[in-house]
Amino acid sequence: MTDAASTVYIVDDDRAVRLSLAALLKAHGFMREVFASAAAFLDALTADSDGCVVLDVRMPGMSGLDLQRRLAKDGVPLPVIIISGHGDIPMAVEAMRVGAVDFLEKPCPPERVLSAVRQALEDRGKPDRGLVPPAEVAERLERLTPREREVLDHLILGKINKVIARDLGISQRTVEIHRARIKEKLEAPSLADLIRMML
């Protein structure tokens, strides 16, 4: 179910990505507008703009994170979904701290994109959108082993698996296994959910 009054704004310098996202969203009944740069999006933005933004992180000129910070600073209430072909953890942490509702790695399954867009549109305007109550987070954290908690602490600092492995004196594969278990025990389907829960 879509909200006819809202639009999904796609901001990505990659033409193929813009067109494929626009086609996917059109096929599922979403209104959409596409922009090749952050500057083009800002030029088109009005006080009446409603919906959500699907935003690429790495773009020439103003980056996706810079645009996200600008929207937050200017009080623009559009929820932001970050997409990245690189998906590095520091970037995801920063995006979530600034208020992104999700962080998707390219190539992203169509169902995941649609789910993120639906959630963003449903939750827009809610100050606590997608937040797990602190008491429930604490309860879930109790499920973690001491080593999993150490790995989680490093993840929240934005460290990548290789660095975590080196810091903790374990293999990178072991870090990956701990990450999977952490996501399962904390009921966090994605890295973005995990970061949002901990922030």
Protein backbone atom coordinates (compact mmCIF):
# COMPACT_ATOMS: atom_id res chain seq x y z
CA MET A 1 0.00 0.00 0.00
CA THR A 2 1.43 3.38 -0.97
CA ASP A 3 0.73 6.92 0.10
CA ALA A 4 -0.34 8.81 -3.03
CA ALA A 5 0.63 12.15 -1.50
CA SER A 6 4.24 11.11 -0.94
CA THR A 7 7.17 10.74 -3.32
CA VAL A 8 10.34 8.70 -3.22
CA TYR A 9 13.22 10.99 -4.18
CA ILE A 10 16.09 9.00 -5.72
CA VAL A 11 19.45 10.79 -5.56
CA ASP A 12 22.27 8.87 -7.24
CA ASP A 13 24.94 9.88 -9.75
CA ASP A 14 24.76 6.43 -11.42
CA ARG A 15 22.16 6.67 -14.20
CA ALA A 16 21.59 2.90 -14.33
CA VAL A 17 20.86 2.79 -10.59
CA ARG A 18 18.48 5.77 -10.84
CA LEU A 19 16.55 4.17 -13.68
CA SER A 20 16.34 0.71 -12.10
CA LEU A 21 15.18 2.11 -8.74
CA ALA A 22 12.64 4.33 -10.48
CA ALA A 23 11.30 1.38 -12.52
CA LEU A 24 11.07 -0.83 -9.41
CA LEU A 25 9.19 1.83 -7.44
CA LYS A 26 6.89 2.65 -10.36
CA ALA A 27 6.01 -1.04 -10.74
CA HIS A 28 4.90 -1.04 -7.09
CA GLY A 29 2.81 2.11 -7.32
CA PHE A 30 5.17 4.66 -5.79
CA MET A 31 5.50 8.20 -7.10
CA ARG A 32 9.17 8.97 -7.68
CA GLU A 33 11.53 11.69 -8.80
CA VAL A 34 15.16 11.15 -9.78
CA PHE A 35 18.18 13.40 -9.36
CA ALA A 36 21.77 12.94 -10.55
CA SER A 37 23.26 15.04 -7.75
CA ALA A 38 22.62 16.37 -4.28
CA ALA A 39 22.62 19.92 -5.67
CA ALA A 40 19.88 19.08 -8.20
CA PHE A 41 17.78 17.56 -5.42
CA LEU A 42 18.24 20.59 -3.16
CA ASP A 43 17.26 22.91 -6.03
CA ALA A 44 13.98 21.00 -6.50
CA LEU A 45 13.18 20.69 -2.78
CA THR A 46 10.20 22.74 -1.58
CA ALA A 47 8.44 23.23 1.74
CA ASP A 48 5.70 20.91 0.44
CA SER A 49 8.05 18.03 -0.44
CA ASP A 50 6.74 14.90 1.23
CA GLY A 51 7.93 11.30 1.18
CA CYS A 52 11.41 9.88 1.63
CA VAL A 53 14.86 10.07 0.06
CA VAL A 54 16.85 7.11 -1.30
CA LEU A 55 20.35 8.52 -1.33
CA ASP A 56 23.69 7.23 -2.64
CA VAL A 57 26.62 7.82 -0.29
CA ARG A 58 29.38 8.45 -2.81
CA MET A 59 28.61 11.17 -5.33
CA PRO A 60 30.78 13.88 -6.87
CA GLY A 61 30.36 17.30 -5.32
CA MET A 62 28.18 17.03 -2.23
CA SER A 63 28.30 13.46 -0.91
CA GLY A 64 25.24 11.60 0.29
CA LEU A 65 26.29 11.97 3.91
CA ASP A 66 26.83 15.71 3.40
CA LEU A 67 23.33 15.98 1.91
CA GLN A 68 21.89 14.00 4.79
CA ARG A 69 23.60 16.33 7.31
CA ARG A 70 22.30 19.35 5.39
CA LEU A 71 18.72 18.04 5.48
CA ALA A 72 19.01 17.37 9.23
CA LYS A 73 20.53 20.82 9.87
CA ASP A 74 17.78 22.52 7.85
CA GLY A 75 15.07 20.55 9.67
CA VAL A 76 13.78 18.86 6.49
CA PRO A 77 11.54 16.04 7.79
CA LEU A 78 12.15 13.61 4.90
CA PRO A 79 13.35 10.19 6.12
CA VAL A 80 16.60 9.13 4.44
CA ILE A 81 17.54 5.66 3.21
CA ILE A 82 21.25 5.43 2.39
CA ILE A 83 22.49 3.11 -0.34
CA SER A 84 26.13 2.31 -0.97
CA GLY A 85 28.15 0.09 -3.24
CA HIS A 86 30.84 -0.04 -0.60
CA GLY A 87 28.83 -0.60 2.56
CA ASP A 88 31.56 0.19 4.99
CA ILE A 89 30.67 0.19 8.66
CA PRO A 90 31.99 3.66 9.60
CA MET A 91 29.79 5.13 6.88
CA ALA A 92 26.75 3.19 8.12
CA VAL A 93 27.37 4.30 11.70
CA GLU A 94 27.66 7.94 10.65
CA ALA A 95 24.51 7.72 8.50
CA MET A 96 22.53 6.23 11.39
CA ARG A 97 23.84 8.83 13.84
CA VAL A 98 22.62 11.58 11.53
CA GLY A 99 19.22 9.87 11.42
CA ALA A 100 19.06 7.57 8.40
CA VAL A 101 16.23 5.07 8.68
CA ASP A 102 18.16 2.37 6.83
CA PHE A 103 21.50 1.62 5.16
CA LEU A 104 21.38 -0.65 2.11
CA GLU A 105 24.34 -2.20 0.32
CA LYS A 106 24.35 -2.42 -3.49
CA PRO A 107 23.29 -4.61 -5.12
CA CYS A 108 20.26 -4.72 -2.88
CA PRO A 109 17.41 -7.20 -3.37
CA PRO A 110 14.28 -5.41 -4.66
CA GLU A 111 12.24 -6.68 -1.68
CA ARG A 112 14.72 -5.03 0.71
CA VAL A 113 14.47 -1.68 -1.11
CA LEU A 114 10.67 -1.82 -1.11
CA SER A 115 10.57 -2.79 2.56
CA ALA A 116 12.87 0.10 3.51
CA VAL A 117 10.81 2.60 1.48
CA ARG A 118 7.51 1.39 2.96
CA GLN A 119 8.94 1.58 6.48
CA ALA A 120 10.35 5.07 5.89
CA LEU A 121 7.02 6.35 4.56
CA GLU A 122 5.08 4.71 7.37
CA ASP A 123 7.39 6.04 10.09
CA ARG A 124 7.96 9.56 8.76
CA GLY A 125 7.18 12.25 11.28
CA LYS A 126 7.55 9.88 14.22
CA PRO A 127 10.39 11.07 16.45
CA ASP A 128 11.12 7.54 17.69
CA ARG A 129 10.68 5.77 14.36
CA GLY A 130 12.02 2.25 14.43
CA LEU A 131 13.44 2.51 17.94
CA VAL A 132 13.41 -0.48 20.26
CA PRO A 133 12.56 0.51 23.87
CA PRO A 134 15.72 0.74 26.03
CA ALA A 135 14.50 -1.95 28.44
CA GLU A 136 14.07 -4.37 25.55
CA VAL A 137 17.54 -3.52 24.18
CA ALA A 138 19.02 -4.22 27.62
CA GLU A 139 17.22 -7.55 27.76
CA ARG A 140 18.54 -8.54 24.33
CA LEU A 141 22.08 -7.46 25.25
CA GLU A 142 21.97 -9.96 28.12
CA ARG A 143 21.85 -12.74 25.49
CA LEU A 144 25.34 -11.89 24.22
CA THR A 145 28.48 -13.67 25.35
CA PRO A 146 31.35 -11.47 26.64
CA ARG A 147 33.19 -11.91 23.29
CA GLU A 148 30.08 -11.00 21.28
CA ARG A 149 29.72 -7.86 23.40
CA GLU A 150 33.33 -6.94 22.62
CA VAL A 151 32.71 -7.39 18.90
CA LEU A 152 29.51 -5.32 19.16
CA ASP A 153 31.38 -2.49 20.90
CA HIS A 154 33.89 -2.41 18.05
CA LEU A 155 31.12 -2.48 15.42
CA ILE A 156 29.42 0.52 16.99
CA LEU A 157 32.71 2.40 16.83
CA GLY A 158 32.58 1.85 13.07
CA LYS A 159 35.43 -0.63 12.80
CA ILE A 160 35.59 -3.12 9.94
CA ASN A 161 35.93 -6.89 10.48
CA LYS A 162 39.65 -6.97 9.71
CA VAL A 163 40.41 -4.28 12.30
CA ILE A 164 38.18 -5.92 14.91
CA ALA A 165 39.94 -9.24 14.32
CA ARG A 166 43.34 -7.61 14.79
CA ASP A 167 42.26 -5.67 17.90
CA LEU A 168 40.76 -8.76 19.57
CA GLY A 169 43.41 -11.23 18.38
CA ILE A 170 40.92 -13.46 16.56
CA SER A 171 40.38 -14.40 12.91
CA GLN A 172 38.28 -12.33 10.55
CA ARG A 173 36.04 -15.37 10.00
CA THR A 174 35.42 -15.56 13.77
CA VAL A 175 34.39 -11.89 13.74
CA GLU A 176 31.92 -12.63 10.92
CA ILE A 177 30.42 -15.51 12.93
CA HIS A 178 30.11 -13.28 16.01
CA ARG A 179 28.44 -10.55 13.91
CA ALA A 180 25.85 -13.02 12.61
CA ARG A 181 25.10 -14.24 16.14
CA ILE A 182 24.89 -10.69 17.47
CA LYS A 183 22.34 -9.74 14.79
CA GLU A 184 20.33 -12.87 15.58
CA LYS A 185 20.36 -12.43 19.36
CA LEU A 186 19.56 -8.71 19.17
CA GLU A 187 16.84 -9.36 16.55
CA ALA A 188 18.47 -6.88 14.20
CA PRO A 189 17.88 -7.95 10.56
CA SER A 190 20.45 -5.52 9.17
CA LEU A 191 23.53 -3.61 10.22
CA ALA A 192 21.42 -0.45 10.15
CA ASP A 193 18.93 -1.96 12.62
CA LEU A 194 21.78 -2.99 14.89
CA ILE A 195 23.38 0.45 14.85
CA ARG A 196 20.06 2.23 15.37
CA MET A 197 19.28 -0.02 18.34
CA MET A 198 22.61 0.73 20.00
CA LEU A 199 22.48 4.48 19.32
